[in-house]
Protein backbone atom coordinates (compact mmCIF):
# COMPACT_ATOMS: atom_id res chain seq x y z
CA MET A 1 41.27 -1.87 -7.76
CA GLN A 2 41.18 1.94 -8.27
CA ALA A 3 39.46 1.46 -11.64
CA VAL A 4 36.79 -0.75 -10.10
CA THR A 5 36.18 1.76 -7.32
CA ASN A 6 35.92 4.63 -9.75
CA THR A 7 33.48 2.67 -11.94
CA ALA A 8 31.29 1.80 -8.97
CA VAL A 9 31.21 5.38 -7.85
CA PHE A 10 30.34 6.56 -11.30
CA LEU A 11 27.51 4.01 -11.57
CA CYS A 12 26.13 5.01 -8.24
CA LEU A 13 26.13 8.67 -9.08
CA ALA A 14 24.60 8.08 -12.49
CA THR A 15 21.83 5.97 -10.93
CA ALA A 16 21.15 8.60 -8.32
CA LEU A 17 20.97 11.36 -10.92
CA VAL A 18 18.64 9.35 -13.10
CA HIS A 19 16.42 8.53 -10.08
CA VAL A 20 16.18 12.17 -9.07
CA LEU A 21 15.36 13.24 -12.61
CA LEU A 22 12.61 10.58 -13.04
CA VAL A 23 11.00 11.37 -9.67
CA PHE A 24 11.14 15.09 -10.48
CA LEU A 25 9.37 14.49 -13.73
CA HIS A 26 6.76 12.42 -11.87
CA VAL A 27 5.98 15.14 -9.27
CA ALA A 28 6.43 18.14 -11.49
CA PRO A 29 3.41 19.73 -13.21
CA PRO A 30 2.63 18.15 -16.58
CA ASN A 31 5.01 19.34 -19.27
CA PRO A 32 6.15 18.16 -22.74
CA LEU A 33 9.10 16.22 -21.31
CA SER A 34 7.07 14.35 -18.72
CA ARG A 35 4.40 13.57 -21.30
CA GLN A 36 6.92 12.30 -23.82
CA TYR A 37 8.63 9.99 -21.33
CA SER A 38 5.63 9.13 -19.19
CA ARG A 39 5.96 5.37 -19.86
CA GLN A 40 9.57 5.29 -18.72
CA VAL A 41 8.87 7.53 -15.71
CA ASN A 42 5.89 5.41 -14.54
CA ALA A 43 7.88 2.20 -15.03
CA TRP A 44 10.61 3.47 -12.71
CA VAL A 45 8.44 5.25 -10.09
CA PHE A 46 5.62 2.72 -9.60
CA PRO A 47 5.09 1.10 -7.19
CA LEU A 48 8.16 1.51 -4.99
CA PHE A 49 8.95 5.21 -5.48
CA GLU A 50 5.44 6.66 -5.78
CA GLN A 51 5.13 10.17 -4.48
CA ASN A 52 2.10 11.85 -3.05
CA TRP A 53 3.32 15.26 -2.02
CA ARG A 54 0.74 17.92 -1.41
CA LEU A 55 3.00 20.59 0.08
CA PHE A 56 0.76 23.56 -0.87
CA ALA A 57 -2.57 21.73 -0.78
CA PRO A 58 -2.55 19.32 2.19
CA ASP A 59 -5.08 16.54 2.07
CA PRO A 60 -5.41 15.10 5.65
CA GLU A 61 -6.94 11.77 6.22
CA SER A 62 -10.71 11.90 6.80
CA VAL A 63 -11.12 8.15 7.58
CA ASN A 64 -9.43 5.42 9.54
CA ARG A 65 -8.95 2.08 7.79
CA GLN A 66 -8.45 -1.34 9.28
CA ILE A 67 -7.12 -3.84 6.73
CA SER A 68 -7.29 -7.51 7.66
CA ALA A 69 -6.44 -10.68 5.76
CA ARG A 70 -7.38 -14.38 5.85
CA THR A 71 -5.99 -17.27 3.89
CA THR A 72 -7.00 -20.67 2.60
CA HIS A 73 -5.01 -23.85 2.71
CA THR A 74 -5.83 -27.24 1.12
CA THR A 75 -4.98 -30.25 3.28
CA PRO A 76 -3.70 -33.53 1.76
CA ASP A 77 -7.24 -35.00 1.94
CA GLY A 78 -8.67 -32.15 -0.11
CA THR A 79 -10.29 -30.19 2.70
CA VAL A 80 -10.04 -26.40 2.27
CA GLN A 81 -9.29 -24.62 5.58
CA VAL A 82 -9.99 -20.89 5.98
CA SER A 83 -7.99 -19.03 8.58
CA GLY A 84 -9.31 -16.39 10.91
CA TRP A 85 -8.83 -12.74 10.08
CA PHE A 86 -5.33 -11.28 10.76
CA ASP A 87 -5.29 -7.51 11.43
CA LEU A 88 -2.51 -6.09 9.22
CA THR A 89 -3.20 -2.52 10.31
CA ALA A 90 -2.78 -3.37 13.97
CA VAL A 91 0.70 -4.75 13.26
CA ASP A 92 1.72 -1.49 11.66
CA ASP A 93 0.12 0.56 14.43
CA SER A 94 2.07 -1.37 17.08
CA ALA A 95 5.32 -0.81 15.17
CA VAL A 96 4.67 2.96 15.09
CA LYS A 97 3.21 3.55 18.56
CA HIS A 98 5.84 4.81 21.07
CA ASN A 99 8.56 4.49 18.42
CA PRO A 100 10.40 7.80 17.92
CA PHE A 101 11.79 6.64 14.60
CA PRO A 102 9.21 4.41 12.93
CA SER A 103 10.09 2.92 9.59
CA HIS A 104 8.55 4.04 6.28
CA THR A 105 7.31 0.45 5.80
CA ALA A 106 5.23 0.52 8.97
CA GLN A 107 3.85 3.99 8.36
CA ASN A 108 3.06 4.09 4.67
CA MET A 109 3.49 0.88 2.67
CA LEU A 110 0.16 -0.78 3.35
CA ARG A 111 -1.75 2.52 3.43
CA ARG A 112 -0.33 3.73 0.14
CA ALA A 113 -0.80 0.32 -1.49
CA TRP A 114 -4.54 0.47 -0.63
CA SER A 115 -4.81 4.11 -1.84
CA SER A 116 -3.27 3.10 -5.17
CA TYR A 117 -5.62 0.13 -5.42
CA LEU A 118 -8.61 2.42 -4.93
CA GLU A 119 -7.39 4.79 -7.57
CA ASN A 120 -7.16 2.04 -10.17
CA HIS A 121 -10.12 -0.24 -9.39
CA ALA A 122 -13.89 0.28 -9.50
CA ASP A 123 -16.22 -1.11 -6.92
CA ASP A 124 -16.32 -4.45 -8.73
CA ASP A 125 -12.52 -4.95 -8.06
CA GLN A 126 -11.89 -5.92 -11.70
CA PRO A 127 -8.54 -4.69 -13.01
CA ARG A 128 -8.96 -2.97 -16.32
CA SER A 129 -5.41 -1.79 -16.96
CA GLN A 130 -1.84 -2.95 -16.56
CA ARG A 131 -1.40 -0.48 -13.71
CA ALA A 132 -4.50 -1.89 -11.95
CA LEU A 133 -3.01 -5.40 -12.22
CA MET A 134 0.26 -4.12 -10.82
CA THR A 135 -1.32 -2.44 -7.80
CA GLN A 136 -3.40 -5.57 -7.16
CA GLN A 137 -0.32 -7.75 -7.18
CA TYR A 138 1.57 -5.23 -5.03
CA LEU A 139 -1.19 -5.33 -2.42
CA THR A 140 -1.35 -9.11 -2.56
CA ASN A 141 2.40 -9.41 -2.00
CA ILE A 142 2.38 -7.02 0.98
CA ALA A 143 -0.48 -8.87 2.69
CA SER A 144 0.90 -12.36 1.92
CA ASP A 145 4.42 -11.44 3.19
CA ARG A 146 3.02 -10.05 6.44
CA VAL A 147 0.70 -12.93 7.11
CA ALA A 148 3.48 -15.44 6.42
CA SER A 149 5.96 -13.71 8.65
CA HIS A 150 3.56 -13.44 11.64
CA ARG A 151 1.60 -16.62 11.26
CA GLY A 152 3.82 -18.95 9.32
CA GLY A 153 2.40 -21.99 7.55
CA SER A 154 1.43 -22.36 3.87
CA PHE A 155 -1.55 -21.01 2.01
CA GLU A 156 -2.74 -20.85 -1.58
CA ALA A 157 -5.03 -17.81 -1.60
CA ILE A 158 -5.63 -14.68 0.40
CA GLN A 159 -8.53 -12.31 0.93
CA LEU A 160 -8.58 -8.79 2.29
CA ARG A 161 -11.21 -7.04 4.31
CA VAL A 162 -11.07 -3.25 4.61
CA VAL A 163 -13.18 -1.50 7.30
CA THR A 164 -13.39 2.28 6.68
CA VAL A 165 -14.43 4.36 9.66
CA PRO A 166 -15.05 8.06 8.94
CA ILE A 167 -13.39 10.41 11.43
CA ALA A 168 -15.94 12.46 13.28
CA ALA A 169 -15.99 16.18 12.68
CA PRO A 170 -14.92 18.33 15.62
CA ALA A 171 -17.50 20.01 17.87
CA ALA A 172 -19.06 23.07 16.40
CA ALA A 173 -17.82 26.41 17.66
CA GLY A 174 -19.76 27.92 20.49
CA GLY A 175 -18.24 26.60 23.69
CA ALA A 176 -18.03 23.44 25.65
CA GLY A 177 -21.69 22.71 25.27
CA ALA A 178 -21.60 22.38 21.50
CA ALA A 179 -22.24 18.87 20.41
CA ALA A 180 -19.88 17.11 18.09
CA VAL A 181 -21.16 16.05 14.65
CA ALA A 182 -22.23 12.37 14.69
CA PRO A 183 -19.85 10.20 12.69
CA ARG A 184 -21.10 8.27 9.68
CA ALA A 185 -21.37 4.47 9.81
CA ALA A 186 -18.34 2.27 9.10
CA ASP A 187 -18.09 0.71 5.60
CA THR A 188 -16.81 -2.87 5.20
CA ARG A 189 -15.40 -4.00 1.87
CA TYR A 190 -14.41 -7.59 1.06
CA LEU A 191 -11.98 -8.03 -1.76
CA PRO A 192 -11.96 -11.18 -4.00
CA TRP A 193 -9.82 -14.19 -3.14
CA TRP A 194 -6.43 -13.79 -4.88
CA LYS A 195 -4.15 -16.74 -5.53
CA VAL A 196 -0.67 -16.63 -4.01
CA GLU A 197 2.40 -17.87 -5.86
CA VAL A 198 3.42 -21.25 -4.52
CA ASP A 199 7.05 -20.37 -4.03
CA SER A 200 6.51 -17.02 -2.38
CA HIS A 201 5.86 -18.16 1.17
CA GLY A 202 7.38 -21.60 1.49
CA ASN A 203 4.27 -23.37 0.27
């Protein structure tokens, strides 16, 4: 029993050390070691352990995004039914609001998945790399899981709609009479329909 316990402790410590080392190589400035092992580092870090730390150069959000999803289901008679839009962002917002200890999932998972998608896809939404395919599948899985857990039922495909609303600039200096800068118009982006694995949501 003691040998099993010692082995388990050793494996946990070794895994923790490897994890810390790989994440350090990911966030550290480019160096010969991180370049040499970039494939292994990326395979471990993405998508679950991705870091976006800007400790010395903060990059605050300049827009608000509302991400919604709708699904399709084919009935036994062959009719394709399209659901209404389900607001994924509102679910996250409700989980965070008035919660002194909100989860990382509610705060960051959907937001970071969309940011990663934008970084790896052009406006035509065509994946042109393995990483682009991975981020697309990651975003699909998050949306599908959340729709299934809140709505239930079965579906074969899912589509996302992202409404981006720029945050208005603060009022110009010069007193209470200074007018705020008018915000830009909202932008709505419809992603393609993506197929959902049959076994993923009880279909």
